[in-house]
C-alpha atoms as a PDB file:
ATOM      1  CA  MET A   1    -107.345-115.157 129.283  1.00  0.00           C
ATOM      2  CA  GLY A   2    -106.662-112.967 132.334  1.00  0.00           C
ATOM      3  CA  LEU A   3    -106.448-109.221 132.545  1.00  0.00           C
ATOM      4  CA  ALA A   4    -103.205-107.689 131.304  1.00  0.00           C
ATOM      5  CA  LYS A   5    -100.926-106.911 134.245  1.00  0.00           C
ATOM      6  CA  ILE A   6     -99.227-103.753 135.489  1.00  0.00           C
ATOM      7  CA  GLY A   7     -95.538-103.796 134.587  1.00  0.00           C
ATOM      8  CA  ASN A   8     -95.963-106.081 131.576  1.00  0.00           C
ATOM      9  CA  LEU A   9     -95.536-104.951 127.999  1.00  0.00           C
ATOM     10  CA  ALA A  10     -98.931-103.967 126.653  1.00  0.00           C
ATOM     11  CA  PRO A  11    -100.288-106.395 124.068  1.00  0.00           C
ATOM     12  CA  GLN A  12     -99.591-104.984 120.610  1.00  0.00           C
ATOM     13  CA  PHE A  13    -102.259-104.338 118.023  1.00  0.00           C
ATOM     14  CA  ASN A  14    -102.919-102.908 114.581  1.00  0.00           C
ATOM     15  CA  LEU A  15    -106.525-101.769 114.310  1.00  0.00           C
ATOM     16  CA  VAL A  16    -108.591 -99.717 111.895  1.00  0.00           C
ATOM     17  CA  SER A  17    -109.847 -96.344 113.134  1.00  0.00           C
ATOM     18  CA  GLN A  18    -113.130 -94.607 112.387  1.00  0.00           C
ATOM     19  CA  ASP A  19    -111.311 -92.897 109.490  1.00  0.00           C
ATOM     20  CA  SER A  20    -110.239 -96.282 108.047  1.00  0.00           C
ATOM     21  CA  GLU A  21    -106.610 -95.626 109.006  1.00  0.00           C
ATOM     22  CA  THR A  22    -104.496 -98.297 110.682  1.00  0.00           C
ATOM     23  CA  VAL A  23    -103.389 -97.414 114.203  1.00  0.00           C
ATOM     24  CA  SER A  24    -100.665 -99.442 115.874  1.00  0.00           C
ATOM     25  CA  LEU A  25     -99.761 -99.269 119.547  1.00  0.00           C
ATOM     26  CA  LYS A  26     -96.067 -99.444 118.633  1.00  0.00           C
ATOM     27  CA  ASP A  27     -96.438 -96.097 116.796  1.00  0.00           C
ATOM     28  CA  PHE A  28     -96.604 -94.366 120.187  1.00  0.00           C
ATOM     29  CA  ARG A  29     -93.613 -96.061 121.787  1.00  0.00           C
ATOM     30  CA  GLY A  30     -91.009 -93.532 122.894  1.00  0.00           C
ATOM     31  CA  LYS A  31     -93.336 -90.626 122.064  1.00  0.00           C
ATOM     32  CA  SER A  32     -96.413 -90.531 124.260  1.00  0.00           C
ATOM     33  CA  SER A  33     -98.224 -92.242 127.078  1.00  0.00           C
ATOM     34  CA  VAL A  34    -101.357 -93.949 125.797  1.00  0.00           C
ATOM     35  CA  ILE A  35    -104.715 -93.926 127.513  1.00  0.00           C
ATOM     36  CA  LEU A  36    -106.294 -97.033 125.991  1.00  0.00           C
ATOM     37  CA  TYR A  37    -109.901 -97.275 127.021  1.00  0.00           C
ATOM     38  CA  PHE A  38    -112.250-100.099 126.152  1.00  0.00           C
ATOM     39  CA  TYR A  39    -115.948 -99.252 125.987  1.00  0.00           C
ATOM     40  CA  PRO A  40    -118.921-101.511 125.214  1.00  0.00           C
ATOM     41  CA  LYS A  41    -120.955 -99.696 122.566  1.00  0.00           C
ATOM     42  CA  ALA A  42    -120.851 -96.365 120.734  1.00  0.00           C
ATOM     43  CA  MET A  43    -123.845 -94.019 120.887  1.00  0.00           C
ATOM     44  CA  THR A  44    -125.097 -95.365 124.224  1.00  0.00           C
ATOM     45  CA  PRO A  45    -125.529 -92.884 127.094  1.00  0.00           C
ATOM     46  CA  GLY A  46    -122.613 -94.062 129.258  1.00  0.00           C
ATOM     47  CA  CYS A  47    -120.180 -94.465 126.370  1.00  0.00           C
ATOM     48  CA  THR A  48    -121.146 -91.040 125.013  1.00  0.00           C
ATOM     49  CA  VAL A  49    -120.522 -89.331 128.370  1.00  0.00           C
ATOM     50  CA  GLN A  50    -117.182 -91.123 128.661  1.00  0.00           C
ATOM     51  CA  ALA A  51    -116.063 -90.218 125.115  1.00  0.00           C
ATOM     52  CA  CYS A  52    -117.123 -86.572 125.428  1.00  0.00           C
ATOM     53  CA  GLY A  53    -115.183 -86.306 128.691  1.00  0.00           C
ATOM     54  CA  ILE A  54    -112.030 -87.547 126.956  1.00  0.00           C
ATOM     55  CA  ARG A  55    -112.717 -85.155 124.056  1.00  0.00           C
ATOM     56  CA  ASP A  56    -112.893 -82.225 126.461  1.00  0.00           C
ATOM     57  CA  ILE A  57    -109.469 -82.899 128.052  1.00  0.00           C
ATOM     58  CA  LYS A  58    -107.462 -83.239 124.837  1.00  0.00           C
ATOM     59  CA  ARG A  59    -105.322 -80.150 125.592  1.00  0.00           C
ATOM     60  CA  GLU A  60    -104.503 -81.400 129.082  1.00  0.00           C
ATOM     61  CA  LEU A  61    -103.602 -84.817 127.691  1.00  0.00           C
ATOM     62  CA  GLU A  62    -101.281 -83.233 125.145  1.00  0.00           C
ATOM     63  CA  GLY A  63     -99.681 -81.154 127.926  1.00  0.00           C
ATOM     64  CA  LEU A  64     -99.009 -84.378 129.818  1.00  0.00           C
ATOM     65  CA  ASN A  65     -97.583 -86.051 126.683  1.00  0.00           C
ATOM     66  CA  ALA A  66    -100.512 -88.462 126.472  1.00  0.00           C
ATOM     67  CA  VAL A  67    -102.916 -89.572 123.767  1.00  0.00           C
ATOM     68  CA  ALA A  68    -106.264 -91.301 124.087  1.00  0.00           C
ATOM     69  CA  LEU A  69    -107.474 -94.258 122.045  1.00  0.00           C
ATOM     70  CA  GLY A  70    -111.010 -95.609 122.411  1.00  0.00           C
ATOM     71  CA  LEU A  71    -111.610 -99.236 121.491  1.00  0.00           C
ATOM     72  CA  SER A  72    -114.881-101.110 120.998  1.00  0.00           C
ATOM     73  CA  PRO A  73    -116.354-103.973 118.985  1.00  0.00           C
ATOM     74  CA  ASP A  74    -118.500-101.536 116.962  1.00  0.00           C
ATOM     75  CA  PRO A  75    -118.159-101.533 113.158  1.00  0.00           C
ATOM     76  CA  VAL A  76    -116.156 -98.729 111.521  1.00  0.00           C
ATOM     77  CA  ASN A  77    -119.238 -96.961 110.123  1.00  0.00           C
ATOM     78  CA  LYS A  78    -120.774 -96.712 113.608  1.00  0.00           C
ATOM     79  CA  LEU A  79    -117.504 -95.372 115.015  1.00  0.00           C
ATOM     80  CA  SER A  80    -117.397 -92.788 112.241  1.00  0.00           C
ATOM     81  CA  LYS A  81    -120.952 -91.641 113.060  1.00  0.00           C
ATOM     82  CA  PHE A  82    -120.097 -91.524 116.778  1.00  0.00           C
ATOM     83  CA  LYS A  83    -117.032 -89.380 116.127  1.00  0.00           C
ATOM     84  CA  GLY A  84    -118.950 -87.026 113.847  1.00  0.00           C
ATOM     85  CA  LYS A  85    -122.036 -86.649 116.007  1.00  0.00           C
ATOM     86  CA  TYR A  86    -120.035 -85.753 119.135  1.00  0.00           C
ATOM     87  CA  ASP A  87    -117.039 -84.067 117.449  1.00  0.00           C
ATOM     88  CA  LEU A  88    -114.639 -86.546 119.049  1.00  0.00           C
ATOM     89  CA  ASN A  89    -110.990 -85.556 118.591  1.00  0.00           C
ATOM     90  CA  PHE A  90    -109.177 -88.840 119.176  1.00  0.00           C
ATOM     91  CA  PRO A  91    -109.105 -92.208 117.372  1.00  0.00           C
ATOM     92  CA  LEU A  92    -111.852 -94.750 117.922  1.00  0.00           C
ATOM     93  CA  LEU A  93    -110.588 -98.209 117.055  1.00  0.00           C
ATOM     94  CA  TYR A  94    -112.508-101.121 115.596  1.00  0.00           C
ATOM     95  CA  ASP A  95    -112.148-104.500 117.341  1.00  0.00           C
ATOM     96  CA  GLU A  96    -115.173-106.306 115.919  1.00  0.00           C
ATOM     97  CA  ASP A  97    -113.776-109.785 116.511  1.00  0.00           C
ATOM     98  CA  HIS A  98    -112.685-108.674 120.029  1.00  0.00           C
ATOM     99  CA  LYS A  99    -109.182-110.149 119.576  1.00  0.00           C
ATOM    100  CA  VAL A 100    -107.533-107.144 121.221  1.00  0.00           C
ATOM    101  CA  ALA A 101    -110.111-107.091 124.018  1.00  0.00           C
ATOM    102  CA  ASP A 102    -109.261-110.774 124.557  1.00  0.00           C
ATOM    103  CA  LYS A 103    -105.521-109.985 124.735  1.00  0.00           C
ATOM    104  CA  TYR A 104    -106.176-107.359 127.398  1.00  0.00           C
ATOM    105  CA  GLY A 105    -108.575-109.630 129.280  1.00  0.00           C
ATOM    106  CA  VAL A 106    -111.586-107.337 128.954  1.00  0.00           C
ATOM    107  CA  TRP A 107    -113.840-109.553 126.798  1.00  0.00           C
ATOM    108  CA  ALA A 108    -115.882-111.405 129.386  1.00  0.00           C
ATOM    109  CA  LEU A 109    -119.243-112.666 130.531  1.00  0.00           C
ATOM    110  CA  LYS A 110    -121.492-109.781 131.560  1.00  0.00           C
ATOM    111  CA  LYS A 111    -124.904-109.617 133.173  1.00  0.00           C
ATOM    112  CA  PHE A 112    -127.560-107.028 132.426  1.00  0.00           C
ATOM    113  CA  MET A 113    -131.226-107.116 133.350  1.00  0.00           C
ATOM    114  CA  GLY A 114    -131.035-110.797 134.207  1.00  0.00           C
ATOM    115  CA  LYS A 115    -129.365-111.812 130.958  1.00  0.00           C
ATOM    116  CA  GLU A 116    -125.828-113.075 130.484  1.00  0.00           C
ATOM    117  CA  PHE A 117    -123.788-112.300 127.382  1.00  0.00           C
ATOM    118  CA  MET A 118    -120.205-111.798 126.261  1.00  0.00           C
ATOM    119  CA  GLY A 119    -119.046-108.209 125.974  1.00  0.00           C
ATOM    120  CA  VAL A 120    -116.409-105.583 126.722  1.00  0.00           C
ATOM    121  CA  LEU A 121    -115.701-104.747 130.345  1.00  0.00           C
ATOM    122  CA  ARG A 122    -115.310-100.965 130.570  1.00  0.00           C
ATOM    123  CA  THR A 123    -111.602-100.729 131.414  1.00  0.00           C
ATOM    124  CA  THR A 124    -108.801 -98.196 130.897  1.00  0.00           C
ATOM    125  CA  PHE A 125    -105.081 -98.925 130.603  1.00  0.00           C
ATOM    126  CA  LEU A 126    -102.317 -96.356 131.046  1.00  0.00           C
ATOM    127  CA  ILE A 127     -99.427 -97.440 128.826  1.00  0.00           C
ATOM    128  CA  ASN A 128     -96.136 -95.610 129.273  1.00  0.00           C
ATOM    129  CA  GLU A 129     -93.686 -94.458 126.604  1.00  0.00           C
ATOM    130  CA  GLU A 130     -91.815 -97.780 126.882  1.00  0.00           C
ATOM    131  CA  GLY A 131     -94.978 -99.698 126.019  1.00  0.00           C
ATOM    132  CA  ARG A 132     -95.519-101.050 129.543  1.00  0.00           C
ATOM    133  CA  ILE A 133     -98.825-101.057 131.378  1.00  0.00           C
ATOM    134  CA  GLU A 134     -98.436 -98.563 134.186  1.00  0.00           C
ATOM    135  CA  ASP A 135    -101.944 -98.603 135.592  1.00  0.00           C
ATOM    136  CA  ILE A 136    -105.338-100.232 135.053  1.00  0.00           C
ATOM    137  CA  MET A 137    -108.680 -98.635 135.828  1.00  0.00           C
ATOM    138  CA  SER A 138    -111.212-101.431 136.087  1.00  0.00           C
ATOM    139  CA  LYS A 139    -113.971 -99.676 138.040  1.00  0.00           C
ATOM    140  CA  VAL A 140    -114.591 -96.921 135.498  1.00  0.00           C
ATOM    141  CA  LYS A 141    -117.278 -94.340 136.198  1.00  0.00           C
ATOM    142  CA  THR A 142    -118.297 -92.781 132.898  1.00  0.00           C
ATOM    143  CA  LYS A 143    -119.083 -89.332 134.333  1.00  0.00           C
ATOM    144  CA  SER A 144    -115.713 -88.917 136.059  1.00  0.00           C
ATOM    145  CA  HIS A 145    -113.512 -91.036 133.779  1.00  0.00           C
ATOM    146  CA  HIS A 146    -111.748 -88.039 132.225  1.00  0.00           C
ATOM    147  CA  ASP A 147    -111.000 -86.519 135.649  1.00  0.00           C
ATOM    148  CA  ASP A 148    -109.758 -89.882 136.908  1.00  0.00           C
ATOM    149  CA  VAL A 149    -107.467 -90.207 133.867  1.00  0.00           C
ATOM    150  CA  LEU A 150    -106.012 -86.720 134.448  1.00  0.00           C
ATOM    151  CA  ARG A 151    -105.504 -87.433 138.147  1.00  0.00           C
ATOM    152  CA  LEU A 152    -103.669 -90.654 137.296  1.00  0.00           C
ATOM    153  CA  LEU A 153    -101.421 -88.935 134.740  1.00  0.00           C
ATOM    154  CA  LYS A 154    -100.612 -86.063 137.101  1.00  0.00           C
ATOM    155  CA  LYS A 155     -99.859 -88.479 139.952  1.00  0.00           C
ATOM    156  CA  ARG A 156     -97.543 -90.386 137.634  1.00  0.00           C
ATOM    157  CA  GLY A 157     -95.796 -87.174 136.623  1.00  0.00           C
ATOM    158  CA  SER A 158     -95.110 -86.224 140.238  1.00  0.00           C
ATOM    159  CA  LYS A 159     -93.240 -89.452 141.025  1.00  0.00           C
END
């Protein structure tokens, strides 16, 4: 399946969060922009830097009428530990069977240290209040991800 496309309705989902609550993308329609970011694995250095960056811009996101949702194939108990250890202030969603990652086109063959395996491509989607994909960040840099997200939201707001 190919990557979800700008302008299309974002693929819907109902996923369990680290707090065992169901989060649905449709819950945000008409209310907030959604920063939906897919990350490979909780508690790893890059994913931790990325998550802490998003944590640190929560006020700015709220000021721009945006919410962040992190999504990975990690089990709920690992997501709960990740949230607690780093005091993360946004939902981490559980996609163990990678069905949602498949819908967004971010479950793919990866290469690392000479080995090939299936995994999540670190990708961020900006979904507007109408539920449409407004932008896709496919070359995510974990250290600057939060700044890049803010820049994208501010650019969008100035249109």
